């Protein structure tokens, strides 16, 4: 033991030293755990403690999505495209041989498409799109469940909710 001068002006006597793990255990056992749970609207959950694991019931995204603004294509249609030898595709509402579809970041990739040529690598002229970059399958594309997989634990029990957690839950 030892002693020291406290901020109140008297001596404090210590009975002995306690290692950090034992101090942690004493602290955690010095109060009762929460026994009450509440169901609250999501917008009221900032800095609340989660009572049980939150598990994803869907894949996010639940569709194949564009990771860039540009044109959805079948990657094989861009074979050989470069700055000196662009590939010309027709702008349409669906993917077919010789066509492409305008997409924005986060929008679904149309059936038949497997890649996105970035807007910066193209020139649009009427209903024709010159593509100056070759892309491989799944280039600039986000896959199903890329952010969150169905069945995955999103937030663990006893976690304190932060604004970014609430955004994921929303």
N, C-alpha and C. Protein backbone atom coordinates (compact mmCIF):
# COMPACT_ATOMS: atom_id res chain seq x y z
N UNK A 1 0.81 -1.17 0.00
CA UNK A 1 0.00 0.00 0.00
C UNK A 1 0.85 1.23 0.00
N UNK A 2 0.19 2.27 -0.11
CA UNK A 2 0.83 3.58 -0.11
C UNK A 2 -0.23 4.60 0.12
N UNK A 3 0.04 5.78 -0.18
CA UNK A 3 -0.92 6.85 0.01
C UNK A 3 -0.64 7.99 -0.92
N UNK A 4 -1.52 8.95 -0.90
CA UNK A 4 -1.35 10.11 -1.76
C UNK A 4 -2.26 11.22 -1.30
N UNK A 5 -2.01 12.38 -1.76
CA UNK A 5 -2.79 13.54 -1.39
C UNK A 5 -3.91 13.69 -2.39
N UNK A 6 -5.17 13.73 -1.95
CA UNK A 6 -6.30 13.85 -2.85
C UNK A 6 -6.59 15.31 -3.14
N UNK A 7 -7.45 15.57 -4.10
CA UNK A 7 -7.82 16.93 -4.46
C UNK A 7 -8.63 17.60 -3.36
N UNK A 8 -9.17 16.83 -2.43
CA UNK A 8 -9.95 17.42 -1.33
C UNK A 8 -9.08 17.79 -0.14
N UNK A 9 -7.83 17.46 -0.18
CA UNK A 9 -6.93 17.91 0.86
C UNK A 9 -6.63 16.91 1.95
N UNK A 10 -7.05 15.67 1.87
CA UNK A 10 -6.68 14.70 2.90
C UNK A 10 -5.97 13.51 2.26
N UNK A 11 -5.36 12.75 3.11
CA UNK A 11 -4.60 11.60 2.63
C UNK A 11 -5.53 10.45 2.31
N UNK A 12 -5.20 9.74 1.24
CA UNK A 12 -5.93 8.55 0.86
C UNK A 12 -4.99 7.37 1.05
N UNK A 13 -5.48 6.33 1.69
CA UNK A 13 -4.65 5.15 1.94
C UNK A 13 -5.11 4.04 1.01
N UNK A 14 -4.16 3.46 0.29
CA UNK A 14 -4.46 2.36 -0.61
C UNK A 14 -4.13 1.05 0.09
N UNK A 15 -4.99 0.09 -0.06
CA UNK A 15 -4.79 -1.20 0.59
C UNK A 15 -3.86 -2.11 -0.20
N UNK A 16 -3.78 -1.89 -1.49
CA UNK A 16 -2.92 -2.72 -2.32
C UNK A 16 -3.15 -2.39 -3.79
N UNK A 17 -2.34 -2.96 -4.61
CA UNK A 17 -2.46 -2.73 -6.05
C UNK A 17 -3.30 -3.84 -6.68
N UNK A 18 -4.03 -3.46 -7.73
CA UNK A 18 -4.85 -4.42 -8.47
C UNK A 18 -4.46 -4.32 -9.93
N UNK A 19 -4.25 -5.48 -10.57
CA UNK A 19 -3.88 -5.43 -11.99
C UNK A 19 -5.09 -4.99 -12.82
N UNK A 20 -4.84 -4.57 -14.04
CA UNK A 20 -5.88 -3.99 -14.91
C UNK A 20 -7.02 -4.97 -15.17
N UNK A 21 -6.73 -6.24 -15.38
CA UNK A 21 -7.78 -7.22 -15.67
C UNK A 21 -8.70 -7.40 -14.47
N UNK A 22 -8.11 -7.47 -13.27
CA UNK A 22 -8.92 -7.62 -12.05
C UNK A 22 -9.75 -6.35 -11.82
N UNK A 23 -9.17 -5.18 -12.08
CA UNK A 23 -9.90 -3.91 -11.93
C UNK A 23 -11.07 -3.86 -12.90
N UNK A 24 -10.86 -4.31 -14.10
CA UNK A 24 -11.93 -4.34 -15.11
C UNK A 24 -13.07 -5.25 -14.63
N UNK A 25 -12.71 -6.43 -14.15
CA UNK A 25 -13.70 -7.38 -13.66
C UNK A 25 -14.49 -6.81 -12.48
N UNK A 26 -13.79 -6.18 -11.53
CA UNK A 26 -14.46 -5.55 -10.38
C UNK A 26 -15.42 -4.46 -10.85
N UNK A 27 -14.97 -3.66 -11.79
CA UNK A 27 -15.81 -2.58 -12.32
C UNK A 27 -17.06 -3.14 -12.99
N UNK A 28 -16.88 -4.10 -13.89
CA UNK A 28 -18.01 -4.65 -14.63
C UNK A 28 -19.00 -5.39 -13.74
N UNK A 29 -18.52 -5.93 -12.65
CA UNK A 29 -19.40 -6.64 -11.70
C UNK A 29 -20.01 -5.71 -10.64
N UNK A 30 -19.70 -4.43 -10.71
CA UNK A 30 -20.18 -3.50 -9.69
C UNK A 30 -21.56 -2.92 -9.99
N UNK A 31 -22.13 -3.26 -11.13
CA UNK A 31 -23.48 -2.79 -11.45
C UNK A 31 -24.24 -3.87 -12.18
N UNK A 32 -25.55 -3.76 -12.18
CA UNK A 32 -26.41 -4.75 -12.84
C UNK A 32 -26.51 -4.42 -14.32
N UNK A 33 -26.52 -5.43 -15.15
CA UNK A 33 -26.73 -5.18 -16.58
C UNK A 33 -28.17 -4.70 -16.82
N UNK A 34 -28.36 -4.06 -17.96
CA UNK A 34 -29.70 -3.62 -18.32
C UNK A 34 -30.64 -4.81 -18.40
N UNK A 35 -31.81 -4.68 -17.85
CA UNK A 35 -32.77 -5.77 -17.93
C UNK A 35 -33.99 -5.37 -18.74
N UNK A 36 -34.03 -4.13 -19.16
CA UNK A 36 -35.18 -3.63 -19.90
C UNK A 36 -34.79 -3.38 -21.35
N UNK A 37 -35.62 -3.85 -22.26
CA UNK A 37 -35.40 -3.52 -23.67
C UNK A 37 -36.59 -2.70 -24.16
N UNK A 38 -36.31 -1.87 -25.14
CA UNK A 38 -37.34 -1.02 -25.72
C UNK A 38 -37.33 -1.21 -27.23
N UNK A 39 -38.47 -1.04 -27.85
CA UNK A 39 -38.57 -1.01 -29.30
C UNK A 39 -38.79 0.44 -29.68
N UNK A 40 -37.85 1.00 -30.43
CA UNK A 40 -37.90 2.42 -30.77
C UNK A 40 -37.86 2.61 -32.27
N UNK A 41 -38.42 3.73 -32.74
CA UNK A 41 -38.24 4.08 -34.16
C UNK A 41 -36.75 4.29 -34.43
N UNK A 42 -36.30 3.94 -35.60
CA UNK A 42 -34.89 4.01 -35.95
C UNK A 42 -34.29 5.40 -35.70
N UNK A 43 -35.06 6.44 -35.99
CA UNK A 43 -34.53 7.81 -35.83
C UNK A 43 -34.30 8.19 -34.36
N UNK A 44 -34.74 7.37 -33.42
CA UNK A 44 -34.52 7.64 -31.99
C UNK A 44 -33.45 6.74 -31.38
N UNK A 45 -32.69 6.05 -32.22
CA UNK A 45 -31.75 5.04 -31.72
C UNK A 45 -30.31 5.49 -31.61
N UNK A 46 -30.01 6.74 -31.92
CA UNK A 46 -28.63 7.22 -31.83
C UNK A 46 -28.11 7.05 -30.40
N UNK A 47 -26.95 6.43 -30.27
CA UNK A 47 -26.27 6.17 -29.00
C UNK A 47 -27.02 5.20 -28.09
N UNK A 48 -27.95 4.44 -28.62
CA UNK A 48 -28.62 3.38 -27.86
C UNK A 48 -27.81 2.09 -27.99
N UNK A 49 -27.99 1.18 -27.05
CA UNK A 49 -27.29 -0.10 -27.05
C UNK A 49 -28.21 -1.16 -27.64
N UNK A 50 -27.67 -1.95 -28.55
CA UNK A 50 -28.42 -3.02 -29.22
C UNK A 50 -28.60 -4.20 -28.25
N UNK A 51 -29.83 -4.70 -28.12
CA UNK A 51 -30.14 -5.79 -27.19
C UNK A 51 -29.75 -7.15 -27.76
N UNK A 52 -29.76 -7.30 -29.07
CA UNK A 52 -29.40 -8.59 -29.68
C UNK A 52 -28.80 -8.33 -31.05
N UNK A 53 -28.08 -9.34 -31.58
CA UNK A 53 -27.48 -9.21 -32.91
C UNK A 53 -28.53 -8.83 -33.94
N UNK A 54 -28.16 -7.93 -34.84
CA UNK A 54 -29.02 -7.58 -35.97
C UNK A 54 -28.49 -8.32 -37.19
N UNK A 55 -29.33 -9.17 -37.78
CA UNK A 55 -28.94 -10.00 -38.91
C UNK A 55 -29.67 -9.52 -40.17
N UNK A 56 -28.92 -9.41 -41.28
CA UNK A 56 -29.50 -8.96 -42.55
C UNK A 56 -30.48 -10.00 -43.07
N UNK A 57 -31.67 -9.56 -43.45
CA UNK A 57 -32.64 -10.50 -44.02
C UNK A 57 -32.69 -10.43 -45.55
N UNK A 58 -31.85 -9.54 -46.14
CA UNK A 58 -31.73 -9.45 -47.60
C UNK A 58 -30.28 -9.16 -47.97
N UNK A 59 -29.94 -9.42 -49.22
CA UNK A 59 -28.65 -9.00 -49.76
C UNK A 59 -28.73 -7.52 -50.10
N UNK A 60 -27.63 -6.79 -49.87
CA UNK A 60 -27.56 -5.38 -50.27
C UNK A 60 -26.28 -5.20 -51.06
N UNK A 61 -26.34 -4.78 -52.32
CA UNK A 61 -27.59 -4.57 -53.05
C UNK A 61 -28.21 -5.90 -53.43
N UNK A 62 -29.48 -5.86 -53.76
CA UNK A 62 -30.19 -7.09 -54.16
C UNK A 62 -30.21 -7.22 -55.69
N UNK A 63 -29.40 -6.41 -56.36
CA UNK A 63 -29.30 -6.45 -57.82
C UNK A 63 -27.86 -6.11 -58.21
N UNK A 64 -27.48 -6.45 -59.45
CA UNK A 64 -26.17 -6.07 -59.97
C UNK A 64 -26.27 -4.59 -60.33
N UNK A 65 -25.32 -3.78 -59.83
CA UNK A 65 -25.44 -2.33 -60.00
C UNK A 65 -24.20 -1.72 -60.64
N UNK A 66 -24.43 -0.56 -61.26
CA UNK A 66 -23.33 0.20 -61.86
C UNK A 66 -22.52 0.86 -60.74
N UNK A 67 -21.20 0.74 -60.82
CA UNK A 67 -20.32 1.37 -59.84
C UNK A 67 -19.81 2.72 -60.34
N UNK A 68 -20.17 3.08 -61.57
CA UNK A 68 -19.74 4.34 -62.19
C UNK A 68 -20.85 4.85 -63.09
N UNK A 69 -20.83 6.14 -63.36
CA UNK A 69 -21.66 6.69 -64.43
C UNK A 69 -21.03 6.27 -65.75
N UNK A 70 -21.85 5.86 -66.68
CA UNK A 70 -21.33 5.47 -67.98
C UNK A 70 -22.34 4.70 -68.78
N UNK A 71 -21.85 3.66 -69.47
CA UNK A 71 -22.70 2.87 -70.35
C UNK A 71 -22.52 1.39 -70.03
N UNK A 72 -23.64 0.73 -69.74
CA UNK A 72 -23.62 -0.71 -69.51
C UNK A 72 -23.46 -1.40 -70.84
N UNK A 73 -22.61 -2.42 -70.85
CA UNK A 73 -22.31 -3.15 -72.09
C UNK A 73 -22.12 -4.62 -71.78
N UNK A 74 -22.09 -5.42 -72.82
CA UNK A 74 -21.55 -6.77 -72.73
C UNK A 74 -20.07 -6.58 -72.99
N UNK A 75 -19.22 -6.91 -72.03
CA UNK A 75 -17.79 -6.60 -72.10
C UNK A 75 -17.15 -7.02 -73.43
N UNK A 76 -17.56 -8.16 -73.95
CA UNK A 76 -16.97 -8.63 -75.21
C UNK A 76 -17.21 -7.67 -76.37
N UNK A 77 -18.21 -6.79 -76.28
CA UNK A 77 -18.49 -5.81 -77.33
C UNK A 77 -17.44 -4.70 -77.37
N UNK A 78 -16.62 -4.57 -76.33
CA UNK A 78 -15.62 -3.51 -76.28
C UNK A 78 -14.22 -4.01 -76.66
N UNK A 79 -14.12 -5.25 -77.05
CA UNK A 79 -12.83 -5.86 -77.38
C UNK A 79 -12.05 -4.99 -78.36
N UNK A 80 -10.83 -4.63 -77.97
CA UNK A 80 -9.95 -3.85 -78.83
C UNK A 80 -10.13 -2.35 -78.75
N UNK A 81 -11.12 -1.87 -78.03
CA UNK A 81 -11.35 -0.42 -77.93
C UNK A 81 -10.17 0.26 -77.24
N UNK A 82 -9.70 1.36 -77.84
CA UNK A 82 -8.65 2.18 -77.23
C UNK A 82 -8.74 3.60 -77.78
N UNK A 83 -7.84 4.47 -77.35
CA UNK A 83 -7.89 5.88 -77.74
C UNK A 83 -7.73 6.07 -79.25
N UNK A 84 -7.01 5.18 -79.93
CA UNK A 84 -6.79 5.30 -81.38
C UNK A 84 -7.79 4.52 -82.21
N UNK A 85 -8.50 3.60 -81.57
CA UNK A 85 -9.43 2.75 -82.30
C UNK A 85 -10.68 2.50 -81.45
N UNK A 86 -11.58 3.48 -81.40
CA UNK A 86 -12.78 3.31 -80.57
C UNK A 86 -13.74 2.28 -81.16
N UNK A 87 -14.55 1.73 -80.28
CA UNK A 87 -15.64 0.84 -80.70
C UNK A 87 -16.91 1.68 -80.67
N UNK A 88 -17.75 1.54 -81.69
CA UNK A 88 -18.99 2.30 -81.77
C UNK A 88 -20.17 1.38 -81.42
N UNK A 89 -20.98 1.79 -80.44
CA UNK A 89 -22.18 1.05 -80.06
C UNK A 89 -23.38 1.97 -80.16
N UNK A 90 -24.54 1.38 -80.36
CA UNK A 90 -25.79 2.14 -80.46
C UNK A 90 -26.43 2.24 -79.09
N UNK A 91 -26.87 3.44 -78.72
CA UNK A 91 -27.53 3.66 -77.45
C UNK A 91 -28.96 3.16 -77.53
N UNK A 92 -29.31 2.24 -76.64
CA UNK A 92 -30.65 1.64 -76.62
C UNK A 92 -31.16 1.57 -75.19
N UNK A 93 -32.33 0.98 -75.01
CA UNK A 93 -32.90 0.77 -73.67
C UNK A 93 -32.65 -0.64 -73.15
N UNK A 94 -32.01 -1.49 -73.98
CA UNK A 94 -31.67 -2.84 -73.56
C UNK A 94 -30.36 -3.25 -74.20
N UNK A 95 -29.72 -4.23 -73.58
CA UNK A 95 -28.44 -4.73 -74.08
C UNK A 95 -28.69 -5.81 -75.12
N UNK A 96 -28.08 -5.63 -76.28
CA UNK A 96 -28.13 -6.61 -77.36
C UNK A 96 -26.81 -6.47 -78.12
N UNK A 97 -26.61 -7.25 -79.12
CA UNK A 97 -25.38 -7.15 -79.92
C UNK A 97 -25.28 -5.75 -80.51
N UNK A 98 -24.15 -5.10 -80.25
CA UNK A 98 -23.89 -3.78 -80.81
C UNK A 98 -24.56 -2.63 -80.08
N UNK A 99 -25.12 -2.88 -78.88
CA UNK A 99 -25.81 -1.80 -78.16
C UNK A 99 -25.23 -1.59 -76.76
N UNK A 100 -25.60 -0.46 -76.18
CA UNK A 100 -25.25 -0.14 -74.80
C UNK A 100 -26.42 0.62 -74.19
N UNK A 101 -26.41 0.73 -72.85
CA UNK A 101 -27.48 1.43 -72.12
C UNK A 101 -26.82 2.41 -71.14
N UNK A 102 -27.31 3.63 -71.11
CA UNK A 102 -26.81 4.65 -70.18
C UNK A 102 -27.17 4.25 -68.75
N UNK A 103 -26.18 4.29 -67.83
CA UNK A 103 -26.41 3.97 -66.42
C UNK A 103 -25.75 5.03 -65.55
N UNK A 104 -26.25 5.14 -64.34
CA UNK A 104 -25.69 6.04 -63.34
C UNK A 104 -25.20 5.20 -62.17
N UNK A 105 -24.29 5.74 -61.40
CA UNK A 105 -23.77 5.03 -60.23
C UNK A 105 -24.92 4.57 -59.34
N UNK A 106 -24.95 3.27 -59.06
CA UNK A 106 -25.99 2.69 -58.20
C UNK A 106 -27.18 2.15 -58.95
N UNK A 107 -27.32 2.48 -60.23
CA UNK A 107 -28.49 1.98 -60.97
C UNK A 107 -28.27 0.53 -61.40
N UNK A 108 -29.36 -0.22 -61.61
CA UNK A 108 -29.24 -1.62 -62.02
C UNK A 108 -28.59 -1.76 -63.40
N UNK A 109 -27.83 -2.83 -63.56
CA UNK A 109 -27.27 -3.17 -64.87
C UNK A 109 -28.36 -3.94 -65.62
N UNK A 110 -28.70 -3.49 -66.83
CA UNK A 110 -29.74 -4.19 -67.59
C UNK A 110 -29.35 -5.63 -67.91
N UNK A 111 -30.36 -6.50 -68.08
CA UNK A 111 -30.11 -7.89 -68.47
C UNK A 111 -29.20 -7.92 -69.69
N UNK A 112 -28.25 -8.83 -69.66
CA UNK A 112 -27.32 -8.98 -70.78
C UNK A 112 -26.04 -8.18 -70.60
N UNK A 113 -26.06 -7.18 -69.74
CA UNK A 113 -24.87 -6.38 -69.49
C UNK A 113 -24.02 -7.00 -68.40
N UNK A 114 -22.71 -6.84 -68.51
CA UNK A 114 -21.82 -7.38 -67.48
C UNK A 114 -20.68 -6.45 -67.12
N UNK A 115 -20.71 -5.22 -67.66
CA UNK A 115 -19.66 -4.25 -67.37
C UNK A 115 -20.17 -2.84 -67.66
N UNK A 116 -19.41 -1.86 -67.16
CA UNK A 116 -19.74 -0.46 -67.44
C UNK A 116 -18.49 0.22 -67.98
N UNK A 117 -18.65 0.90 -69.11
CA UNK A 117 -17.59 1.75 -69.64
C UNK A 117 -17.83 3.13 -69.03
N UNK A 118 -16.80 3.67 -68.36
CA UNK A 118 -16.96 4.96 -67.69
C UNK A 118 -17.28 6.07 -68.69
N UNK A 119 -18.09 7.00 -68.27
CA UNK A 119 -18.50 8.13 -69.09
C UNK A 119 -17.29 8.85 -69.68
N UNK A 120 -16.22 8.99 -68.89
CA UNK A 120 -15.01 9.69 -69.33
C UNK A 120 -14.32 9.00 -70.51
N UNK A 121 -14.62 7.71 -70.72
CA UNK A 121 -14.00 6.95 -71.81
C UNK A 121 -14.90 6.84 -73.02
N UNK A 122 -15.87 7.76 -73.13
CA UNK A 122 -16.84 7.69 -74.23
C UNK A 122 -17.12 9.07 -74.80
N UNK A 123 -17.67 9.08 -76.00
CA UNK A 123 -18.23 10.29 -76.61
C UNK A 123 -19.59 9.90 -77.16
N UNK A 124 -20.63 10.62 -76.71
CA UNK A 124 -21.99 10.36 -77.17
C UNK A 124 -22.28 11.30 -78.33
N UNK A 125 -22.76 10.73 -79.41
CA UNK A 125 -23.11 11.53 -80.59
C UNK A 125 -24.44 10.99 -81.12
N UNK A 126 -25.54 11.68 -80.75
CA UNK A 126 -26.87 11.19 -81.14
C UNK A 126 -27.17 9.90 -80.41
N UNK A 127 -27.44 8.84 -81.20
CA UNK A 127 -27.69 7.53 -80.58
C UNK A 127 -26.49 6.61 -80.71
N UNK A 128 -25.33 7.17 -81.00
CA UNK A 128 -24.08 6.41 -81.13
C UNK A 128 -23.12 6.78 -80.01
N UNK A 129 -22.45 5.77 -79.48
CA UNK A 129 -21.49 6.00 -78.40
C UNK A 129 -20.14 5.44 -78.84
N UNK A 130 -19.14 6.32 -78.89
CA UNK A 130 -17.77 5.88 -79.17
C UNK A 130 -17.14 5.49 -77.84
N UNK A 131 -16.58 4.30 -77.78
CA UNK A 131 -15.96 3.80 -76.56
C UNK A 131 -14.46 3.68 -76.78
N UNK A 132 -13.71 4.38 -75.93
CA UNK A 132 -12.26 4.45 -76.07
C UNK A 132 -11.54 3.57 -75.05
N UNK A 133 -12.25 2.67 -74.41
CA UNK A 133 -11.64 1.76 -73.42
C UNK A 133 -12.30 0.40 -73.50
N UNK A 134 -11.46 -0.61 -73.48
CA UNK A 134 -11.94 -1.99 -73.41
C UNK A 134 -12.18 -2.32 -71.95
N UNK A 135 -13.28 -3.01 -71.65
CA UNK A 135 -13.56 -3.43 -70.27
C UNK A 135 -13.69 -4.95 -70.21
N UNK A 136 -13.37 -5.49 -69.07
CA UNK A 136 -13.54 -6.93 -68.85
C UNK A 136 -14.85 -7.15 -68.09
N UNK A 137 -15.38 -8.38 -68.10
CA UNK A 137 -16.63 -8.64 -67.36
C UNK A 137 -16.52 -8.19 -65.90
N UNK A 138 -17.56 -7.54 -65.42
CA UNK A 138 -17.71 -7.03 -64.06
C UNK A 138 -16.83 -5.82 -63.74
N UNK A 139 -16.25 -5.21 -64.78
CA UNK A 139 -15.52 -3.95 -64.58
C UNK A 139 -16.54 -2.86 -64.27
N UNK A 140 -16.31 -2.12 -63.21
CA UNK A 140 -17.18 -1.01 -62.79
C UNK A 140 -18.60 -1.46 -62.46
N UNK A 141 -18.70 -2.68 -61.91
CA UNK A 141 -20.00 -3.26 -61.57
C UNK A 141 -19.93 -3.78 -60.13
N UNK A 142 -20.99 -3.51 -59.36
CA UNK A 142 -21.12 -4.06 -58.01
C UNK A 142 -22.02 -5.28 -58.05
N UNK A 143 -21.64 -6.32 -57.32
CA UNK A 143 -22.39 -7.57 -57.37
C UNK A 143 -23.45 -7.64 -56.27
N UNK A 144 -24.36 -8.58 -56.40
CA UNK A 144 -25.41 -8.81 -55.41
C UNK A 144 -24.75 -9.16 -54.07
N UNK A 145 -25.18 -8.50 -53.00
CA UNK A 145 -24.65 -8.78 -51.67
C UNK A 145 -23.26 -8.24 -51.42
N UNK A 146 -22.78 -7.36 -52.28
CA UNK A 146 -21.42 -6.83 -52.13
C UNK A 146 -21.26 -6.03 -50.83
N UNK A 147 -22.27 -5.30 -50.42
CA UNK A 147 -22.20 -4.50 -49.20
C UNK A 147 -22.59 -5.33 -47.97
N UNK A 148 -23.70 -6.05 -48.07
CA UNK A 148 -24.19 -6.87 -46.96
C UNK A 148 -24.78 -8.16 -47.53
N UNK A 149 -24.39 -9.29 -46.95
CA UNK A 149 -24.93 -10.58 -47.36
C UNK A 149 -26.09 -11.00 -46.47
N UNK A 150 -27.13 -11.57 -47.07
CA UNK A 150 -28.25 -12.09 -46.31
C UNK A 150 -27.71 -13.08 -45.27
N UNK A 151 -28.18 -12.95 -44.01
CA UNK A 151 -27.73 -13.83 -42.93
C UNK A 151 -26.51 -13.31 -42.18
N UNK A 152 -25.87 -12.28 -42.70
CA UNK A 152 -24.69 -11.70 -42.06
C UNK A 152 -25.11 -10.86 -40.85
N UNK A 153 -24.32 -10.91 -39.77
CA UNK A 153 -24.59 -10.05 -38.62
C UNK A 153 -24.13 -8.64 -38.99
N UNK A 154 -25.07 -7.70 -38.97
CA UNK A 154 -24.76 -6.32 -39.34
C UNK A 154 -24.21 -5.57 -38.13
N UNK A 155 -24.88 -5.72 -36.99
CA UNK A 155 -24.46 -5.04 -35.76
C UNK A 155 -24.57 -6.05 -34.61
N UNK A 156 -23.52 -6.12 -33.84
CA UNK A 156 -23.46 -7.10 -32.74
C UNK A 156 -24.19 -6.59 -31.49
N UNK A 157 -24.76 -7.56 -30.77
CA UNK A 157 -25.39 -7.31 -29.47
C UNK A 157 -24.46 -6.48 -28.59
N UNK A 158 -25.02 -5.56 -27.84
CA UNK A 158 -24.33 -4.68 -26.90
C UNK A 158 -23.49 -3.60 -27.59
N UNK A 159 -23.67 -3.41 -28.90
CA UNK A 159 -22.99 -2.32 -29.59
C UNK A 159 -23.76 -1.03 -29.39
N UNK A 160 -23.04 0.07 -29.29
CA UNK A 160 -23.67 1.39 -29.20
C UNK A 160 -23.89 1.88 -30.63
N UNK A 161 -25.14 2.22 -30.94
CA UNK A 161 -25.47 2.66 -32.30
C UNK A 161 -24.94 4.05 -32.58
N UNK A 162 -24.28 4.18 -33.73
CA UNK A 162 -23.78 5.46 -34.22
C UNK A 162 -24.59 5.84 -35.45
N UNK A 163 -24.52 7.07 -35.89
CA UNK A 163 -25.27 7.48 -37.09
C UNK A 163 -25.00 6.59 -38.30
N UNK A 164 -23.73 6.16 -38.49
CA UNK A 164 -23.43 5.30 -39.65
C UNK A 164 -24.11 3.93 -39.52
N UNK A 165 -24.26 3.41 -38.30
CA UNK A 165 -24.98 2.15 -38.09
C UNK A 165 -26.45 2.31 -38.42
N UNK A 166 -27.02 3.42 -37.99
CA UNK A 166 -28.43 3.70 -38.26
C UNK A 166 -28.68 3.79 -39.76
N UNK A 167 -27.74 4.38 -40.49
CA UNK A 167 -27.86 4.47 -41.95
C UNK A 167 -27.89 3.07 -42.58
N UNK A 168 -27.03 2.17 -42.10
CA UNK A 168 -27.02 0.80 -42.62
C UNK A 168 -28.34 0.11 -42.31
N UNK A 169 -28.85 0.29 -41.10
CA UNK A 169 -30.11 -0.33 -40.71
C UNK A 169 -31.27 0.20 -41.55
N UNK A 170 -31.23 1.49 -41.86
CA UNK A 170 -32.30 2.09 -42.66
C UNK A 170 -32.31 1.47 -44.05
